Structures are given as C-alpha cells and as structure tokens.
Amino acid sequence: MHCDGQARHGANAAQFEGELANLAPLSQDGLVVVDGRRITVTDEGRTLVRAAAAVFDRYLKKGEQRHSRAV
C-alpha cells in the first residue's frame, strides 16, 4: 500500500531524512528497501517491521524501551 503523506497528511518528506538514514542498517541487512520516499519491508524483514516503524516514533527516545524489544 502506498500513501502520499505530503498530500494526504500535510507531511513534508524532507522532515524524515534523518529517519530514512536510520533505516540504513535494516537496508544493509536486506530487511527493508528504501527507494526515495518509499519504504518496502522485504519478506525477510516482515517479522521485524516494528523495528522499522520505531525509527519514525517521535515519542520513543533513542535507547528507551517501553515495551518488549523486537529483537
């Protein structure tokens, strides 16, 4: 499913550059594919989708755990 966040939610794609960069380790491991502004979770990464989503969680501080870890 593709969502144009800028048009639909008023989000500016540039504001997520840091988060997209934080997906690099998952991308290098073949768990996600980042193509421009589109993020695809691969079959291998499907069980770790929480880790990819956590990159965008503004309420989750780096190193802080509120619930069980994905891995």
PDB file of N, CA and C in Angstrom:
ATOM      1  N   MET A   1       0.841  -1.166   0.000  1.00  0.00           N
ATOM      2  CA  MET A   1       0.000   0.000   0.000  1.00  0.00           C
ATOM      3  C   MET A   1       0.890   1.234   0.000  1.00  0.00           C
ATOM      4  N   HIS A   2       0.572   2.188  -0.813  1.00  0.00           N
ATOM      5  CA  HIS A   2       1.345   3.417  -0.919  1.00  0.00           C
ATOM      6  C   HIS A   2       0.484   4.580  -0.447  1.00  0.00           C
ATOM      7  N   CYS A   3       1.076   5.437   0.360  1.00  0.00           N
ATOM      8  CA  CYS A   3       0.367   6.606   0.863  1.00  0.00           C
ATOM      9  C   CYS A   3       1.214   7.831   0.589  1.00  0.00           C
ATOM     10  N   ASP A   4       0.651   8.800  -0.092  1.00  0.00           N
ATOM     11  CA  ASP A   4       1.353  10.061  -0.305  1.00  0.00           C
ATOM     12  C   ASP A   4       1.096  10.937   0.911  1.00  0.00           C
ATOM     13  N   GLY A   5       1.970  10.820   1.903  1.00  0.00           N
ATOM     14  CA  GLY A   5       1.805  11.521   3.171  1.00  0.00           C
ATOM     15  C   GLY A   5       1.758  13.022   3.036  1.00  0.00           C
ATOM     16  N   GLN A   6       2.513  13.576   2.097  1.00  0.00           N
ATOM     17  CA  GLN A   6       2.534  15.014   1.937  1.00  0.00           C
ATOM     18  C   GLN A   6       1.171  15.521   1.516  1.00  0.00           C
ATOM     19  N   ALA A   7       0.565  14.892   0.535  1.00  0.00           N
ATOM     20  CA  ALA A   7      -0.741  15.332   0.064  1.00  0.00           C
ATOM     21  C   ALA A   7      -1.841  14.976   1.052  1.00  0.00           C
ATOM     22  N   ARG A   8      -1.743  13.819   1.633  1.00  0.00           N
ATOM     23  CA  ARG A   8      -2.827  13.327   2.485  1.00  0.00           C
ATOM     24  C   ARG A   8      -2.782  13.876   3.906  1.00  0.00           C
ATOM     25  N   HIS A   9      -1.567  14.049   4.450  1.00  0.00           N
ATOM     26  CA  HIS A   9      -1.447  14.435   5.857  1.00  0.00           C
ATOM     27  C   HIS A   9      -0.695  15.743   6.068  1.00  0.00           C
ATOM     28  N   GLY A  10      -0.307  16.402   5.005  1.00  0.00           N
ATOM     29  CA  GLY A  10       0.424  17.653   5.133  1.00  0.00           C
ATOM     30  C   GLY A  10       1.853  17.466   5.612  1.00  0.00           C
ATOM     31  N   ALA A  11       2.391  16.260   5.479  1.00  0.00           N
ATOM     32  CA  ALA A  11       3.760  15.979   5.910  1.00  0.00           C
ATOM     33  C   ALA A  11       4.735  16.423   4.824  1.00  0.00           C
ATOM     34  N   ASN A  12       5.881  16.895   5.249  1.00  0.00           N
ATOM     35  CA  ASN A  12       6.933  17.285   4.333  1.00  0.00           C
ATOM     36  C   ASN A  12       7.962  16.157   4.314  1.00  0.00           C
ATOM     37  N   ALA A  13       8.227  15.607   3.157  1.00  0.00           N
ATOM     38  CA  ALA A  13       9.137  14.464   3.051  1.00  0.00           C
ATOM     39  C   ALA A  13      10.523  14.781   3.601  1.00  0.00           C
ATOM     40  N   ALA A  14      10.975  16.016   3.465  1.00  0.00           N
ATOM     41  CA  ALA A  14      12.310  16.389   3.937  1.00  0.00           C
ATOM     42  C   ALA A  14      12.448  16.239   5.448  1.00  0.00           C
ATOM     43  N   GLN A  15      11.344  16.333   6.176  1.00  0.00           N
ATOM     44  CA  GLN A  15      11.430  16.231   7.635  1.00  0.00           C
ATOM     45  C   GLN A  15      11.779  14.822   8.102  1.00  0.00           C
ATOM     46  N   PHE A  16      11.744  13.848   7.206  1.00  0.00           N
ATOM     47  CA  PHE A  16      12.035  12.464   7.568  1.00  0.00           C
ATOM     48  C   PHE A  16      13.399  11.987   7.080  1.00  0.00           C
ATOM     49  N   GLU A  17      14.252  12.882   6.641  1.00  0.00           N
ATOM     50  CA  GLU A  17      15.562  12.484   6.131  1.00  0.00           C
ATOM     51  C   GLU A  17      16.381  11.753   7.181  1.00  0.00           C
ATOM     52  N   GLY A  18      16.347  12.213   8.416  1.00  0.00           N
ATOM     53  CA  GLY A  18      17.095  11.557   9.494  1.00  0.00           C
ATOM     54  C   GLY A  18      16.584  10.156   9.750  1.00  0.00           C
ATOM     55  N   GLU A  19      15.256  10.005   9.759  1.00  0.00           N
ATOM     56  CA  GLU A  19      14.665   8.693   9.988  1.00  0.00           C
ATOM     57  C   GLU A  19      15.016   7.733   8.857  1.00  0.00           C
ATOM     58  N   LEU A  20      14.968   8.234   7.618  1.00  0.00           N
ATOM     59  CA  LEU A  20      15.323   7.383   6.482  1.00  0.00           C
ATOM     60  C   LEU A  20      16.778   6.939   6.580  1.00  0.00           C
ATOM     61  N   ALA A  21      17.650   7.831   7.040  1.00  0.00           N
ATOM     62  CA  ALA A  21      19.054   7.464   7.230  1.00  0.00           C
ATOM     63  C   ALA A  21      19.193   6.404   8.317  1.00  0.00           C
ATOM     64  N   ASN A  22      18.336   6.467   9.338  1.00  0.00           N
ATOM     65  CA  ASN A  22      18.386   5.482  10.424  1.00  0.00           C
ATOM     66  C   ASN A  22      17.929   4.099   9.982  1.00  0.00           C
ATOM     67  N   LEU A  23      17.301   4.005   8.827  1.00  0.00           N
ATOM     68  CA  LEU A  23      16.901   2.705   8.282  1.00  0.00           C
ATOM     69  C   LEU A  23      18.062   1.997   7.578  1.00  0.00           C
ATOM     70  N   ALA A  24      19.197   2.678   7.432  1.00  0.00           N
ATOM     71  CA  ALA A  24      20.334   2.110   6.690  1.00  0.00           C
ATOM     72  C   ALA A  24      20.749   0.735   7.192  1.00  0.00           C
ATOM     73  N   PRO A  25      20.871   0.510   8.522  1.00  0.00           N
ATOM     74  CA  PRO A  25      21.270  -0.838   8.957  1.00  0.00           C
ATOM     75  C   PRO A  25      20.272  -1.918   8.534  1.00  0.00           C
ATOM     76  N   LEU A  26      18.990  -1.599   8.582  1.00  0.00           N
ATOM     77  CA  LEU A  26      17.981  -2.581   8.154  1.00  0.00           C
ATOM     78  C   LEU A  26      18.068  -2.801   6.653  1.00  0.00           C
ATOM     79  N   SER A  27      18.350  -1.739   5.925  1.00  0.00           N
ATOM     80  CA  SER A  27      18.502  -1.844   4.479  1.00  0.00           C
ATOM     81  C   SER A  27      19.728  -2.677   4.116  1.00  0.00           C
ATOM     82  N   GLN A  28      20.833  -2.441   4.813  1.00  0.00           N
ATOM     83  CA  GLN A  28      22.057  -3.194   4.543  1.00  0.00           C
ATOM     84  C   GLN A  28      21.884  -4.684   4.832  1.00  0.00           C
ATOM     85  N   ASP A  29      21.009  -5.005   5.784  1.00  0.00           N
ATOM     86  CA  ASP A  29      20.741  -6.403   6.112  1.00  0.00           C
ATOM     87  C   ASP A  29      19.669  -7.017   5.219  1.00  0.00           C
ATOM     88  N   GLY A  30      19.152  -6.240   4.265  1.00  0.00           N
ATOM     89  CA  GLY A  30      18.145  -6.752   3.347  1.00  0.00           C
ATOM     90  C   GLY A  30      16.758  -6.875   3.949  1.00  0.00           C
ATOM     91  N   LEU A  31      16.493  -6.140   5.022  1.00  0.00           N
ATOM     92  CA  LEU A  31      15.195  -6.231   5.696  1.00  0.00           C
ATOM     93  C   LEU A  31      14.205  -5.195   5.192  1.00  0.00           C
ATOM     94  N   VAL A  32      14.717  -4.074   4.701  1.00  0.00           N
ATOM     95  CA  VAL A  32      13.880  -3.049   4.082  1.00  0.00           C
ATOM     96  C   VAL A  32      14.581  -2.548   2.837  1.00  0.00           C
ATOM     97  N   VAL A  33      13.796  -1.995   1.929  1.00  0.00           N
ATOM     98  CA  VAL A  33      14.328  -1.347   0.740  1.00  0.00           C
ATOM     99  C   VAL A  33      13.832   0.088   0.773  1.00  0.00           C
ATOM    100  N   VAL A  34      14.759   1.032   0.731  1.00  0.00           N
ATOM    101  CA  VAL A  34      14.403   2.450   0.702  1.00  0.00           C
ATOM    102  C   VAL A  34      14.672   2.949  -0.707  1.00  0.00           C
ATOM    103  N   ASP A  35      13.617   3.396  -1.363  1.00  0.00           N
ATOM    104  CA  ASP A  35      13.713   3.905  -2.731  1.00  0.00           C
ATOM    105  C   ASP A  35      13.080   5.288  -2.738  1.00  0.00           C
ATOM    106  N   GLY A  36      13.927   6.286  -2.586  1.00  0.00           N
ATOM    107  CA  GLY A  36      13.401   7.647  -2.475  1.00  0.00           C
ATOM    108  C   GLY A  36      12.634   7.785  -1.175  1.00  0.00           C
ATOM    109  N   ARG A  37      11.348   8.092  -1.284  1.00  0.00           N
ATOM    110  CA  ARG A  37      10.495   8.225  -0.102  1.00  0.00           C
ATOM    111  C   ARG A  37       9.696   6.956   0.171  1.00  0.00           C
ATOM    112  N   ARG A  38       9.866   5.959  -0.642  1.00  0.00           N
ATOM    113  CA  ARG A  38       9.112   4.714  -0.473  1.00  0.00           C
ATOM    114  C   ARG A  38       9.946   3.701   0.298  1.00  0.00           C
ATOM    115  N   ILE A  39       9.330   3.104   1.311  1.00  0.00           N
ATOM    116  CA  ILE A  39       9.983   2.087   2.133  1.00  0.00           C
ATOM    117  C   ILE A  39       9.207   0.793   1.962  1.00  0.00           C
ATOM    118  N   THR A  40       9.920  -0.260   1.619  1.00  0.00           N
ATOM    119  CA  THR A  40       9.293  -1.568   1.457  1.00  0.00           C
ATOM    120  C   THR A  40       9.966  -2.533   2.423  1.00  0.00           C
ATOM    121  N   VAL A  41       9.166  -3.214   3.209  1.00  0.00           N
ATOM    122  CA  VAL A  41       9.688  -4.248   4.096  1.00  0.00           C
ATOM    123  C   VAL A  41       9.751  -5.532   3.288  1.00  0.00           C
ATOM    124  N   THR A  42      10.924  -6.155   3.248  1.00  0.00           N
ATOM    125  CA  THR A  42      11.098  -7.386   2.480  1.00  0.00           C
ATOM    126  C   THR A  42      10.470  -8.564   3.239  1.00  0.00           C
ATOM    127  N   ASP A  43      10.355  -9.673   2.561  1.00  0.00           N
ATOM    128  CA  ASP A  43       9.828 -10.878   3.216  1.00  0.00           C
ATOM    129  C   ASP A  43      10.695 -11.262   4.411  1.00  0.00           C
ATOM    130  N   GLU A  44      12.016 -11.112   4.255  1.00  0.00           N
ATOM    131  CA  GLU A  44      12.927 -11.436   5.358  1.00  0.00           C
ATOM    132  C   GLU A  44      12.732 -10.495   6.544  1.00  0.00           C
ATOM    133  N   GLY A  45      12.330  -9.249   6.285  1.00  0.00           N
ATOM    134  CA  GLY A  45      12.166  -8.260   7.343  1.00  0.00           C
ATOM    135  C   GLY A  45      10.781  -8.173   7.935  1.00  0.00           C
ATOM    136  N   ARG A  46       9.853  -8.939   7.393  1.00  0.00           N
ATOM    137  CA  ARG A  46       8.456  -8.838   7.827  1.00  0.00           C
ATOM    138  C   ARG A  46       8.289  -9.044   9.329  1.00  0.00           C
ATOM    139  N   THR A  47       9.049  -9.955   9.916  1.00  0.00           N
ATOM    140  CA  THR A  47       8.901 -10.200  11.358  1.00  0.00           C
ATOM    141  C   THR A  47       9.507  -9.073  12.186  1.00  0.00           C
ATOM    142  N   LEU A  48      10.285  -8.195  11.540  1.00  0.00           N
ATOM    143  CA  LEU A  48      10.930  -7.090  12.247  1.00  0.00           C
ATOM    144  C   LEU A  48      10.342  -5.734  11.854  1.00  0.00           C
ATOM    145  N   VAL A  49       9.132  -5.729  11.366  1.00  0.00           N
ATOM    146  CA  VAL A  49       8.524  -4.484  10.914  1.00  0.00           C
ATOM    147  C   VAL A  49       8.432  -3.464  12.052  1.00  0.00           C
ATOM    148  N   ARG A  50       8.324  -3.922  13.293  1.00  0.00           N
ATOM    149  CA  ARG A  50       8.296  -2.996  14.438  1.00  0.00           C
ATOM    150  C   ARG A  50       9.584  -2.202  14.537  1.00  0.00           C
ATOM    151  N   ALA A  51      10.708  -2.813  14.220  1.00  0.00           N
ATOM    152  CA  ALA A  51      11.990  -2.118  14.274  1.00  0.00           C
ATOM    153  C   ALA A  51      12.041  -1.005  13.230  1.00  0.00           C
ATOM    154  N   ALA A  52      11.506  -1.259  12.058  1.00  0.00           N
ATOM    155  CA  ALA A  52      11.467  -0.232  11.013  1.00  0.00           C
ATOM    156  C   ALA A  52      10.509   0.890  11.402  1.00  0.00           C
ATOM    157  N   ALA A  53       9.367   0.546  11.935  1.00  0.00           N
ATOM    158  CA  ALA A  53       8.382   1.562  12.337  1.00  0.00           C
ATOM    159  C   ALA A  53       8.895   2.406  13.498  1.00  0.00           C
ATOM    160  N   ALA A  54       9.666   1.811  14.390  1.00  0.00           N
ATOM    161  CA  ALA A  54      10.177   2.530  15.562  1.00  0.00           C
ATOM    162  C   ALA A  54      11.081   3.696  15.167  1.00  0.00           C
ATOM    163  N   VAL A  55      11.702   3.620  14.009  1.00  0.00           N
ATOM    164  CA  VAL A  55      12.553   4.702  13.529  1.00  0.00           C
ATOM    165  C   VAL A  55      11.740   5.999  13.412  1.00  0.00           C
ATOM    166  N   PHE A  56      10.457   5.878  13.137  1.00  0.00           N
ATOM    167  CA  PHE A  56       9.597   7.044  12.930  1.00  0.00           C
ATOM    168  C   PHE A  56       8.799   7.439  14.176  1.00  0.00           C
ATOM    169  N   ASP A  57       8.994   6.747  15.280  1.00  0.00           N
ATOM    170  CA  ASP A  57       8.245   7.011  16.503  1.00  0.00           C
ATOM    171  C   ASP A  57       8.869   8.192  17.244  1.00  0.00           C
ATOM    172  N   ARG A  58       8.249   9.350  17.153  1.00  0.00           N
ATOM    173  CA  ARG A  58       8.833  10.546  17.774  1.00  0.00           C
ATOM    174  C   ARG A  58       8.774  10.509  19.287  1.00  0.00           C
ATOM    175  N   TYR A  59       7.941   9.652  19.849  1.00  0.00           N
ATOM    176  CA  TYR A  59       7.811   9.563  21.300  1.00  0.00           C
ATOM    177  C   TYR A  59       8.778   8.561  21.918  1.00  0.00           C
ATOM    178  N   LEU A  60       9.412   7.765  21.090  1.00  0.00           N
ATOM    179  CA  LEU A  60      10.360   6.763  21.565  1.00  0.00           C
ATOM    180  C   LEU A  60      11.761   7.360  21.508  1.00  0.00           C
ATOM    181  N   LYS A  61      12.307   7.648  22.667  1.00  0.00           N
ATOM    182  CA  LYS A  61      13.655   8.224  22.709  1.00  0.00           C
ATOM    183  C   LYS A  61      14.679   7.138  22.423  1.00  0.00           C
ATOM    184  N   LYS A  62      15.771   7.538  21.818  1.00  0.00           N
ATOM    185  CA  LYS A  62      16.824   6.587  21.476  1.00  0.00           C
ATOM    186  C   LYS A  62      17.303   5.860  22.731  1.00  0.00           C
ATOM    187  N   GLY A  63      17.305   4.538  22.671  1.00  0.00           N
ATOM    188  CA  GLY A  63      17.763   3.728  23.791  1.00  0.00           C
ATOM    189  C   GLY A  63      16.691   3.446  24.827  1.00  0.00           C
ATOM    190  N   GLU A  64      15.526   4.027  24.682  1.00  0.00           N
ATOM    191  CA  GLU A  64      14.454   3.836  25.666  1.00  0.00           C
ATOM    192  C   GLU A  64      13.568   2.673  25.256  1.00  0.00           C
ATOM    193  N   GLN A  65      13.220   1.853  26.212  1.00  0.00           N
ATOM    194  CA  GLN A  65      12.309   0.740  25.956  1.00  0.00           C
ATOM    195  C   GLN A  65      11.040   0.953  26.763  1.00  0.00           C
ATOM    196  N   ARG A  66       9.903   0.879  26.109  1.00  0.00           N
ATOM    197  CA  ARG A  66       8.634   0.958  26.813  1.00  0.00           C
ATOM    198  C   ARG A  66       7.922  -0.384  26.786  1.00  0.00           C
ATOM    199  N   HIS A  67       8.249  -1.173  25.797  1.00  0.00           N
ATOM    200  CA  HIS A  67       7.630  -2.484  25.642  1.00  0.00           C
ATOM    201  C   HIS A  67       8.737  -3.481  25.280  1.00  0.00           C
ATOM    202  N   SER A  68       8.360  -4.675  24.987  1.00  0.00           N
ATOM    203  CA  SER A  68       9.357  -5.666  24.636  1.00  0.00           C
ATOM    204  C   SER A  68      10.082  -5.271  23.353  1.00  0.00           C
ATOM    205  N   ARG A  69      11.322  -5.653  23.252  1.00  0.00           N
ATOM    206  CA  ARG A  69      12.114  -5.360  22.066  1.00  0.00           C
ATOM    207  C   ARG A  69      11.693  -6.247  20.904  1.00  0.00           C
ATOM    208  N   ALA A  70      11.859  -5.730  19.705  1.00  0.00           N
ATOM    209  CA  ALA A  70      11.541  -6.526  18.515  1.00  0.00           C
ATOM    210  C   ALA A  70      12.537  -7.656  18.340  1.00  0.00           C
ATOM    211  N   VAL A  71      13.772  -7.420  18.716  1.00  0.00           N
ATOM    212  CA  VAL A  71      14.828  -8.439  18.584  1.00  0.00           C
ATOM    213  C   VAL A  71      15.684  -8.385  19.826  1.00  0.00           C
TER     214      VAL A  71
END
